């Protein structure tokens, strides 16, 4: 059987024919559920994906899902948002899509950013999350429709040197 080829040759021509692992989970945005999901993601992909790519995937997913957990409920603190997570492995990396019914993502989160300016020995407690997400992903996109947030990105299998 000849593998199918991406019909969009300008988009890196990833082969689609070989069966690859997929992951899907629906979870409540609570710390324990996020931890369980991260462990399940590692277990699902560790046999096929290198340790470095799994580590980058875990870091990005932890940042995103913890942001939903911490900030997503907004003015309805008793109603934790529900997150839908789907990950598909392919030759070009791990394609990830998350949706949630939490608050809208602030507009400035996806603006290009660099590392926060550090002076002296006082390191800020936060401010690194969206920098890390942008640095470790490719094809990052977000939109909101009908009270749901949609975030998609790809984790490349190999980290670019540079």
N, C-alpha and C. Protein backbone atom coordinates (compact mmCIF):
# COMPACT_ATOMS: atom_id res chain seq x y z
N UNK A 1 0.84 -1.18 0.00
CA UNK A 1 0.00 0.00 0.00
C UNK A 1 0.89 1.24 0.00
N UNK A 2 0.63 2.15 -0.89
CA UNK A 2 1.38 3.39 -0.98
C UNK A 2 0.79 4.39 0.00
N UNK A 3 1.63 5.03 0.85
CA UNK A 3 1.07 6.00 1.79
C UNK A 3 0.49 7.20 1.06
N UNK A 4 -0.57 7.74 1.64
CA UNK A 4 -1.14 8.96 1.09
C UNK A 4 -0.19 10.10 1.41
N UNK A 5 -0.17 11.08 0.56
CA UNK A 5 0.69 12.24 0.78
C UNK A 5 -0.20 13.45 0.97
N UNK A 6 0.27 14.34 1.79
CA UNK A 6 -0.46 15.58 2.06
C UNK A 6 -0.81 16.23 0.72
N UNK A 7 -2.11 16.51 0.48
CA UNK A 7 -2.50 17.11 -0.80
C UNK A 7 -2.06 18.58 -0.93
N UNK A 8 -1.45 19.13 0.09
CA UNK A 8 -0.97 20.51 0.08
C UNK A 8 0.55 20.49 0.10
N UNK A 9 1.20 20.30 -1.04
CA UNK A 9 2.65 20.12 -1.05
C UNK A 9 3.42 21.29 -0.46
N UNK A 10 2.87 22.47 -0.46
CA UNK A 10 3.55 23.61 0.14
C UNK A 10 3.51 23.58 1.66
N UNK A 11 2.83 22.62 2.22
CA UNK A 11 2.70 22.52 3.67
C UNK A 11 3.48 21.33 4.21
N UNK A 12 4.70 21.20 3.86
CA UNK A 12 5.69 20.27 4.36
C UNK A 12 5.49 18.83 3.91
N UNK A 13 4.47 18.49 3.13
CA UNK A 13 4.33 17.17 2.55
C UNK A 13 4.44 16.01 3.52
N UNK A 14 3.75 16.03 4.63
CA UNK A 14 3.82 14.97 5.61
C UNK A 14 3.09 13.73 5.10
N UNK A 15 3.70 12.57 5.29
CA UNK A 15 3.04 11.32 4.92
C UNK A 15 1.91 11.03 5.89
N UNK A 16 0.79 10.54 5.36
CA UNK A 16 -0.39 10.29 6.18
C UNK A 16 -0.70 8.80 6.30
N UNK A 17 -0.02 7.93 5.57
CA UNK A 17 -0.42 6.54 5.44
C UNK A 17 -0.18 5.65 6.64
N UNK A 18 0.87 5.83 7.42
CA UNK A 18 1.20 4.94 8.52
C UNK A 18 0.32 5.23 9.72
N UNK A 19 -0.31 4.20 10.30
CA UNK A 19 -1.14 4.43 11.49
C UNK A 19 -0.30 5.03 12.62
N UNK A 20 -0.82 6.03 13.26
CA UNK A 20 -0.11 6.73 14.33
C UNK A 20 -1.01 6.87 15.54
N UNK A 21 -0.42 7.01 16.72
CA UNK A 21 -1.23 7.18 17.92
C UNK A 21 -2.02 8.49 17.90
N UNK A 22 -3.18 8.42 18.51
CA UNK A 22 -4.02 9.59 18.72
C UNK A 22 -4.40 9.61 20.20
N UNK A 23 -4.79 10.76 20.68
CA UNK A 23 -5.22 10.90 22.07
C UNK A 23 -6.39 11.86 22.10
N UNK A 24 -7.42 11.50 22.86
CA UNK A 24 -8.56 12.38 23.05
C UNK A 24 -9.02 12.27 24.50
N UNK A 25 -9.28 13.41 25.11
CA UNK A 25 -9.74 13.41 26.50
C UNK A 25 -10.62 14.64 26.71
N UNK A 26 -11.68 14.46 27.46
CA UNK A 26 -12.53 15.56 27.92
C UNK A 26 -12.35 15.60 29.43
N UNK A 27 -11.98 16.76 29.96
CA UNK A 27 -11.70 16.87 31.39
C UNK A 27 -12.21 18.18 31.95
N UNK A 28 -12.48 18.16 33.22
CA UNK A 28 -12.82 19.39 33.93
C UNK A 28 -11.51 20.09 34.27
N UNK A 29 -11.48 21.39 34.11
CA UNK A 29 -10.26 22.18 34.35
C UNK A 29 -10.00 22.29 35.85
N UNK A 30 -9.45 21.22 36.39
CA UNK A 30 -9.07 21.14 37.80
C UNK A 30 -7.66 20.57 37.87
N UNK A 31 -6.84 21.00 38.83
CA UNK A 31 -5.44 20.55 38.86
C UNK A 31 -5.24 19.04 38.81
N UNK A 32 -6.01 18.29 39.54
CA UNK A 32 -5.86 16.83 39.53
C UNK A 32 -6.15 16.23 38.16
N UNK A 33 -7.17 16.74 37.48
CA UNK A 33 -7.51 16.23 36.16
C UNK A 33 -6.43 16.60 35.14
N UNK A 34 -5.85 17.78 35.29
CA UNK A 34 -4.77 18.18 34.39
C UNK A 34 -3.57 17.25 34.57
N UNK A 35 -3.19 16.97 35.83
CA UNK A 35 -2.06 16.07 36.10
C UNK A 35 -2.31 14.68 35.52
N UNK A 36 -3.51 14.15 35.74
CA UNK A 36 -3.85 12.82 35.21
C UNK A 36 -3.77 12.81 33.68
N UNK A 37 -4.24 13.87 33.06
CA UNK A 37 -4.23 13.94 31.61
C UNK A 37 -2.80 14.01 31.08
N UNK A 38 -1.94 14.79 31.72
CA UNK A 38 -0.55 14.87 31.29
C UNK A 38 0.14 13.51 31.39
N UNK A 39 -0.13 12.76 32.45
CA UNK A 39 0.44 11.42 32.60
C UNK A 39 -0.08 10.49 31.50
N UNK A 40 -1.36 10.60 31.17
CA UNK A 40 -1.95 9.76 30.12
C UNK A 40 -1.37 10.10 28.75
N UNK A 41 -1.12 11.39 28.50
CA UNK A 41 -0.51 11.81 27.23
C UNK A 41 0.88 11.20 27.11
N UNK A 42 1.67 11.29 28.17
CA UNK A 42 3.02 10.72 28.15
C UNK A 42 2.95 9.22 27.87
N UNK A 43 2.07 8.52 28.55
CA UNK A 43 1.95 7.07 28.36
C UNK A 43 1.54 6.73 26.92
N UNK A 44 0.68 7.55 26.34
CA UNK A 44 0.18 7.27 24.99
C UNK A 44 1.26 7.42 23.92
N UNK A 45 2.13 8.43 24.07
CA UNK A 45 3.08 8.75 23.00
C UNK A 45 4.53 8.34 23.28
N UNK A 46 4.87 7.93 24.48
CA UNK A 46 6.28 7.71 24.82
C UNK A 46 6.95 6.60 24.02
N UNK A 47 6.21 5.63 23.52
CA UNK A 47 6.83 4.55 22.75
C UNK A 47 7.23 5.01 21.35
N UNK A 48 6.63 6.07 20.85
CA UNK A 48 6.89 6.48 19.47
C UNK A 48 7.58 7.84 19.35
N UNK A 49 7.43 8.69 20.32
CA UNK A 49 7.94 10.06 20.24
C UNK A 49 9.10 10.20 21.22
N UNK A 50 10.14 10.92 20.80
CA UNK A 50 11.32 11.10 21.63
C UNK A 50 11.04 11.85 22.92
N UNK A 51 11.92 11.65 23.87
CA UNK A 51 11.78 12.25 25.20
C UNK A 51 11.72 13.77 25.13
N UNK A 52 12.52 14.38 24.26
CA UNK A 52 12.54 15.83 24.13
C UNK A 52 11.18 16.36 23.65
N UNK A 53 10.63 15.73 22.62
CA UNK A 53 9.33 16.18 22.10
C UNK A 53 8.23 15.97 23.14
N UNK A 54 8.26 14.84 23.86
CA UNK A 54 7.26 14.60 24.91
C UNK A 54 7.38 15.67 26.00
N UNK A 55 8.60 16.02 26.37
CA UNK A 55 8.80 17.05 27.39
C UNK A 55 8.26 18.40 26.95
N UNK A 56 8.51 18.77 25.67
CA UNK A 56 7.98 20.03 25.16
C UNK A 56 6.46 20.01 25.12
N UNK A 57 5.89 18.87 24.69
CA UNK A 57 4.43 18.73 24.65
C UNK A 57 3.84 18.88 26.04
N UNK A 58 4.42 18.19 27.02
CA UNK A 58 3.92 18.28 28.39
C UNK A 58 3.99 19.71 28.94
N UNK A 59 5.09 20.39 28.67
CA UNK A 59 5.25 21.75 29.17
C UNK A 59 4.20 22.67 28.58
N UNK A 60 3.98 22.59 27.27
CA UNK A 60 2.99 23.45 26.62
C UNK A 60 1.59 23.11 27.11
N UNK A 61 1.25 21.81 27.14
CA UNK A 61 -0.09 21.44 27.60
C UNK A 61 -0.32 21.84 29.05
N UNK A 62 0.70 21.68 29.89
CA UNK A 62 0.57 22.09 31.29
C UNK A 62 0.30 23.59 31.39
N UNK A 63 1.05 24.40 30.63
CA UNK A 63 0.82 25.85 30.65
C UNK A 63 -0.59 26.20 30.19
N UNK A 64 -1.01 25.62 29.07
CA UNK A 64 -2.32 25.96 28.52
C UNK A 64 -3.44 25.50 29.46
N UNK A 65 -3.41 24.23 29.87
CA UNK A 65 -4.50 23.72 30.70
C UNK A 65 -4.51 24.35 32.10
N UNK A 66 -3.33 24.64 32.65
CA UNK A 66 -3.31 25.33 33.93
C UNK A 66 -3.82 26.76 33.82
N UNK A 67 -3.57 27.42 32.68
CA UNK A 67 -4.15 28.75 32.46
C UNK A 67 -5.67 28.67 32.44
N UNK A 68 -6.23 27.67 31.77
CA UNK A 68 -7.68 27.50 31.75
C UNK A 68 -8.19 27.23 33.17
N UNK A 69 -7.46 26.39 33.91
CA UNK A 69 -7.85 26.05 35.28
C UNK A 69 -7.83 27.29 36.17
N UNK A 70 -6.78 28.08 36.04
CA UNK A 70 -6.61 29.24 36.93
C UNK A 70 -7.47 30.44 36.53
N UNK A 71 -7.61 30.69 35.24
CA UNK A 71 -8.26 31.92 34.79
C UNK A 71 -9.57 31.72 34.05
N UNK A 72 -9.89 30.50 33.66
CA UNK A 72 -11.02 30.25 32.77
C UNK A 72 -12.40 30.44 33.36
N UNK A 73 -12.54 30.21 34.67
CA UNK A 73 -13.88 30.29 35.27
C UNK A 73 -14.39 31.73 35.33
N UNK A 74 -13.51 32.68 35.43
CA UNK A 74 -13.92 34.08 35.47
C UNK A 74 -14.84 34.37 36.63
N UNK A 75 -15.99 34.94 36.35
CA UNK A 75 -16.91 35.34 37.41
C UNK A 75 -17.83 34.20 37.85
N UNK A 76 -17.58 33.00 37.38
CA UNK A 76 -18.37 31.84 37.82
C UNK A 76 -17.43 30.80 38.44
N UNK A 77 -16.86 31.14 39.61
CA UNK A 77 -15.79 30.33 40.20
C UNK A 77 -16.20 28.91 40.57
N UNK A 78 -17.47 28.63 40.70
CA UNK A 78 -17.89 27.27 41.07
C UNK A 78 -18.06 26.38 39.86
N UNK A 79 -18.00 26.95 38.67
CA UNK A 79 -18.18 26.17 37.45
C UNK A 79 -16.86 26.09 36.70
N UNK A 80 -16.10 25.04 36.95
CA UNK A 80 -14.83 24.87 36.26
C UNK A 80 -15.08 24.62 34.78
N UNK A 81 -14.30 25.26 33.91
CA UNK A 81 -14.46 25.02 32.47
C UNK A 81 -14.20 23.55 32.12
N UNK A 82 -14.74 23.15 31.00
CA UNK A 82 -14.51 21.81 30.46
C UNK A 82 -13.55 21.95 29.28
N UNK A 83 -12.51 21.13 29.29
CA UNK A 83 -11.48 21.15 28.24
C UNK A 83 -11.63 19.89 27.40
N UNK A 84 -11.58 20.06 26.09
CA UNK A 84 -11.50 18.94 25.15
C UNK A 84 -10.09 19.00 24.55
N UNK A 85 -9.37 17.90 24.64
CA UNK A 85 -8.00 17.83 24.13
C UNK A 85 -7.90 16.71 23.11
N UNK A 86 -7.32 17.03 21.97
CA UNK A 86 -7.07 16.02 20.93
C UNK A 86 -5.64 16.21 20.43
N UNK A 87 -4.90 15.09 20.35
CA UNK A 87 -3.53 15.12 19.86
C UNK A 87 -3.39 14.01 18.82
N UNK A 88 -2.80 14.36 17.69
CA UNK A 88 -2.57 13.40 16.63
C UNK A 88 -1.09 13.42 16.28
N UNK A 89 -0.48 12.26 16.26
CA UNK A 89 0.92 12.14 15.87
C UNK A 89 1.01 11.96 14.37
N UNK A 90 1.94 12.68 13.74
CA UNK A 90 2.21 12.50 12.32
C UNK A 90 3.68 12.78 12.07
N UNK A 91 4.12 12.59 10.84
CA UNK A 91 5.55 12.72 10.54
C UNK A 91 6.12 14.10 10.85
N UNK A 92 5.30 15.12 10.84
CA UNK A 92 5.79 16.49 11.09
C UNK A 92 5.68 16.90 12.55
N UNK A 93 5.16 16.04 13.40
CA UNK A 93 5.08 16.39 14.81
C UNK A 93 3.78 15.94 15.44
N UNK A 94 3.45 16.59 16.54
CA UNK A 94 2.24 16.30 17.29
C UNK A 94 1.27 17.46 17.11
N UNK A 95 0.19 17.22 16.39
CA UNK A 95 -0.83 18.25 16.16
C UNK A 95 -1.79 18.23 17.34
N UNK A 96 -1.95 19.37 17.97
CA UNK A 96 -2.76 19.47 19.19
C UNK A 96 -3.88 20.47 18.99
N UNK A 97 -5.05 20.12 19.52
CA UNK A 97 -6.19 21.03 19.51
C UNK A 97 -6.85 20.96 20.88
N UNK A 98 -7.08 22.13 21.46
CA UNK A 98 -7.79 22.22 22.73
C UNK A 98 -8.97 23.16 22.54
N UNK A 99 -10.09 22.79 23.11
CA UNK A 99 -11.22 23.71 23.19
C UNK A 99 -11.66 23.76 24.63
N UNK A 100 -12.21 24.88 25.03
CA UNK A 100 -12.75 24.99 26.38
C UNK A 100 -13.88 26.00 26.39
N UNK A 101 -14.70 25.93 27.42
CA UNK A 101 -15.82 26.85 27.54
C UNK A 101 -15.56 27.91 28.61
N UNK A 102 -14.29 28.21 28.82
CA UNK A 102 -13.91 29.23 29.79
C UNK A 102 -13.96 30.62 29.20
N UNK A 103 -13.41 31.57 29.96
CA UNK A 103 -13.36 32.96 29.51
C UNK A 103 -12.53 33.09 28.25
N UNK A 104 -12.81 34.15 27.51
CA UNK A 104 -12.04 34.47 26.30
C UNK A 104 -10.58 34.70 26.66
N UNK A 105 -9.70 34.23 25.82
CA UNK A 105 -8.27 34.45 25.99
C UNK A 105 -7.98 35.94 25.80
N UNK A 106 -7.24 36.55 26.71
CA UNK A 106 -6.90 37.97 26.51
C UNK A 106 -6.16 38.18 25.19
N UNK A 107 -6.47 39.26 24.51
CA UNK A 107 -5.93 39.54 23.18
C UNK A 107 -4.40 39.55 23.18
N UNK A 108 -3.78 40.07 24.22
CA UNK A 108 -2.33 40.21 24.21
C UNK A 108 -1.58 38.89 24.41
N UNK A 109 -2.26 37.79 24.75
CA UNK A 109 -1.56 36.51 24.97
C UNK A 109 -0.84 36.01 23.73
N UNK A 110 -1.43 36.22 22.56
CA UNK A 110 -0.83 35.68 21.34
C UNK A 110 0.04 36.67 20.59
N UNK A 111 0.21 37.86 21.15
CA UNK A 111 1.14 38.81 20.53
C UNK A 111 2.55 38.27 20.69
N UNK A 112 3.39 38.46 19.67
CA UNK A 112 4.78 37.98 19.81
C UNK A 112 5.42 38.60 21.03
N UNK A 113 6.15 37.78 21.75
CA UNK A 113 6.78 38.29 22.98
C UNK A 113 8.14 37.66 23.17
N UNK A 114 8.95 38.35 23.93
CA UNK A 114 10.25 37.83 24.31
C UNK A 114 10.23 37.49 25.78
N UNK A 115 11.36 37.10 26.28
CA UNK A 115 11.46 36.81 27.71
C UNK A 115 11.24 38.09 28.50
N UNK A 116 10.59 37.99 29.67
CA UNK A 116 10.46 39.17 30.52
C UNK A 116 11.83 39.70 30.90
N UNK A 117 11.94 41.01 31.01
CA UNK A 117 13.21 41.62 31.40
C UNK A 117 13.49 41.31 32.86
N UNK A 118 14.65 40.74 33.11
CA UNK A 118 15.03 40.36 34.47
C UNK A 118 16.12 41.29 34.95
N UNK A 119 15.91 41.84 36.13
CA UNK A 119 16.92 42.70 36.73
C UNK A 119 17.18 42.22 38.14
N UNK A 120 18.42 42.24 38.53
CA UNK A 120 18.78 41.81 39.88
C UNK A 120 18.50 40.32 40.07
N UNK A 121 18.24 39.97 41.31
CA UNK A 121 18.01 38.56 41.63
C UNK A 121 16.54 38.24 41.81
N UNK A 122 15.67 39.22 41.63
CA UNK A 122 14.24 38.99 41.82
C UNK A 122 13.63 38.47 40.54
N UNK A 123 13.34 37.17 40.50
CA UNK A 123 12.67 36.58 39.34
C UNK A 123 11.17 36.68 39.55
N UNK A 124 10.45 37.12 38.53
CA UNK A 124 9.00 37.19 38.67
C UNK A 124 8.42 35.78 38.79
N UNK A 125 7.28 35.67 39.51
CA UNK A 125 6.64 34.37 39.67
C UNK A 125 6.00 33.90 38.37
N UNK A 126 5.48 34.81 37.59
CA UNK A 126 4.82 34.45 36.34
C UNK A 126 5.37 35.24 35.18
N UNK A 127 4.68 35.16 34.06
CA UNK A 127 5.07 35.94 32.90
C UNK A 127 5.84 35.16 31.85
N UNK A 128 6.15 33.89 32.12
CA UNK A 128 6.93 33.10 31.18
C UNK A 128 6.05 32.17 30.33
N UNK A 129 4.83 31.92 30.75
CA UNK A 129 3.98 30.91 30.13
C UNK A 129 3.75 31.10 28.65
N UNK A 130 3.25 32.26 28.24
CA UNK A 130 2.96 32.46 26.82
C UNK A 130 4.22 32.57 25.99
N UNK A 131 5.31 33.05 26.60
CA UNK A 131 6.59 33.02 25.89
C UNK A 131 6.98 31.57 25.59
N UNK A 132 6.89 30.70 26.59
CA UNK A 132 7.23 29.29 26.40
C UNK A 132 6.32 28.63 25.36
N UNK A 133 5.03 28.89 25.46
CA UNK A 133 4.09 28.31 24.50
C UNK A 133 4.46 28.73 23.09
N UNK A 134 4.72 30.01 22.88
CA UNK A 134 5.08 30.49 21.54
C UNK A 134 6.42 29.93 21.08
N UNK A 135 7.36 29.79 22.00
CA UNK A 135 8.70 29.33 21.64
C UNK A 135 8.73 27.84 21.30
N UNK A 136 7.90 27.05 21.95
CA UNK A 136 7.96 25.59 21.79
C UNK A 136 6.99 25.03 20.76
N UNK A 137 6.13 25.89 20.21
CA UNK A 137 5.14 25.41 19.25
C UNK A 137 5.36 26.00 17.87
N UNK A 138 4.70 25.41 16.91
CA UNK A 138 4.62 25.96 15.56
C UNK A 138 3.14 26.01 15.19
N UNK A 139 2.81 26.88 14.26
CA UNK A 139 1.44 26.99 13.74
C UNK A 139 0.42 27.22 14.84
N UNK A 140 0.76 28.06 15.80
CA UNK A 140 -0.11 28.39 16.92
C UNK A 140 -1.25 29.28 16.44
N UNK A 141 -2.48 28.87 16.71
CA UNK A 141 -3.60 29.73 16.33
C UNK A 141 -4.71 29.61 17.37
N UNK A 142 -5.48 30.68 17.49
CA UNK A 142 -6.57 30.76 18.46
C UNK A 142 -7.75 31.48 17.83
N UNK A 143 -8.94 31.03 18.17
CA UNK A 143 -10.14 31.80 17.87
C UNK A 143 -11.21 31.42 18.87
N UNK A 144 -12.24 32.23 18.95
CA UNK A 144 -13.36 31.99 19.86
C UNK A 144 -14.63 32.01 19.04
N UNK A 145 -15.49 31.05 19.32
CA UNK A 145 -16.75 30.95 18.60
C UNK A 145 -17.79 30.35 19.55
N UNK A 146 -18.96 30.98 19.62
CA UNK A 146 -20.07 30.45 20.42
C UNK A 146 -19.65 30.09 21.85
N UNK A 147 -18.99 31.00 22.52
CA UNK A 147 -18.57 30.82 23.92
C UNK A 147 -17.56 29.70 24.13
N UNK A 148 -16.85 29.31 23.08
CA UNK A 148 -15.79 28.30 23.21
C UNK A 148 -14.49 28.87 22.66
N UNK A 149 -13.42 28.55 23.34
CA UNK A 149 -12.08 28.89 22.88
C UNK A 149 -11.52 27.70 22.10
N UNK A 150 -10.84 28.00 21.00
CA UNK A 150 -10.20 26.97 20.18
C UNK A 150 -8.72 27.35 20.06
N UNK A 151 -7.85 26.48 20.50
CA UNK A 151 -6.41 26.71 20.42
C UNK A 151 -5.79 25.50 19.73
N UNK A 152 -4.99 25.74 18.72
CA UNK A 152 -4.34 24.65 17.99
C UNK A 152 -2.88 25.00 17.78
N UNK A 153 -2.04 23.97 17.76
CA UNK A 153 -0.61 24.17 17.54
C UNK A 153 0.01 22.83 17.20
N UNK A 154 1.26 22.90 16.80
CA UNK A 154 2.02 21.69 16.51
C UNK A 154 3.31 21.73 17.29
N UNK A 155 3.65 20.58 17.87
CA UNK A 155 4.94 20.39 18.52
C UNK A 155 5.81 19.62 17.54
N UNK A 156 6.87 20.23 17.02
CA UNK A 156 7.73 19.50 16.08
C UNK A 156 8.45 18.36 16.81
N UNK A 157 8.73 17.29 16.09
CA UNK A 157 9.41 16.15 16.72
C UNK A 157 10.86 16.48 17.07
N UNK A 158 11.48 17.32 16.24
CA UNK A 158 12.86 17.73 16.49
C UNK A 158 12.87 19.22 16.78
N UNK A 159 13.62 19.62 17.79
CA UNK A 159 13.74 21.03 18.15
C UNK A 159 14.73 21.69 17.21
N UNK A 160 14.32 22.81 16.60
CA UNK A 160 15.24 23.56 15.74
C UNK A 160 16.40 24.09 16.55
N UNK A 161 17.60 23.97 16.02
CA UNK A 161 18.76 24.57 16.68
C UNK A 161 18.81 26.03 16.28
N UNK A 162 18.76 26.89 17.26
CA UNK A 162 18.84 28.29 16.89
C UNK A 162 18.08 29.14 17.71
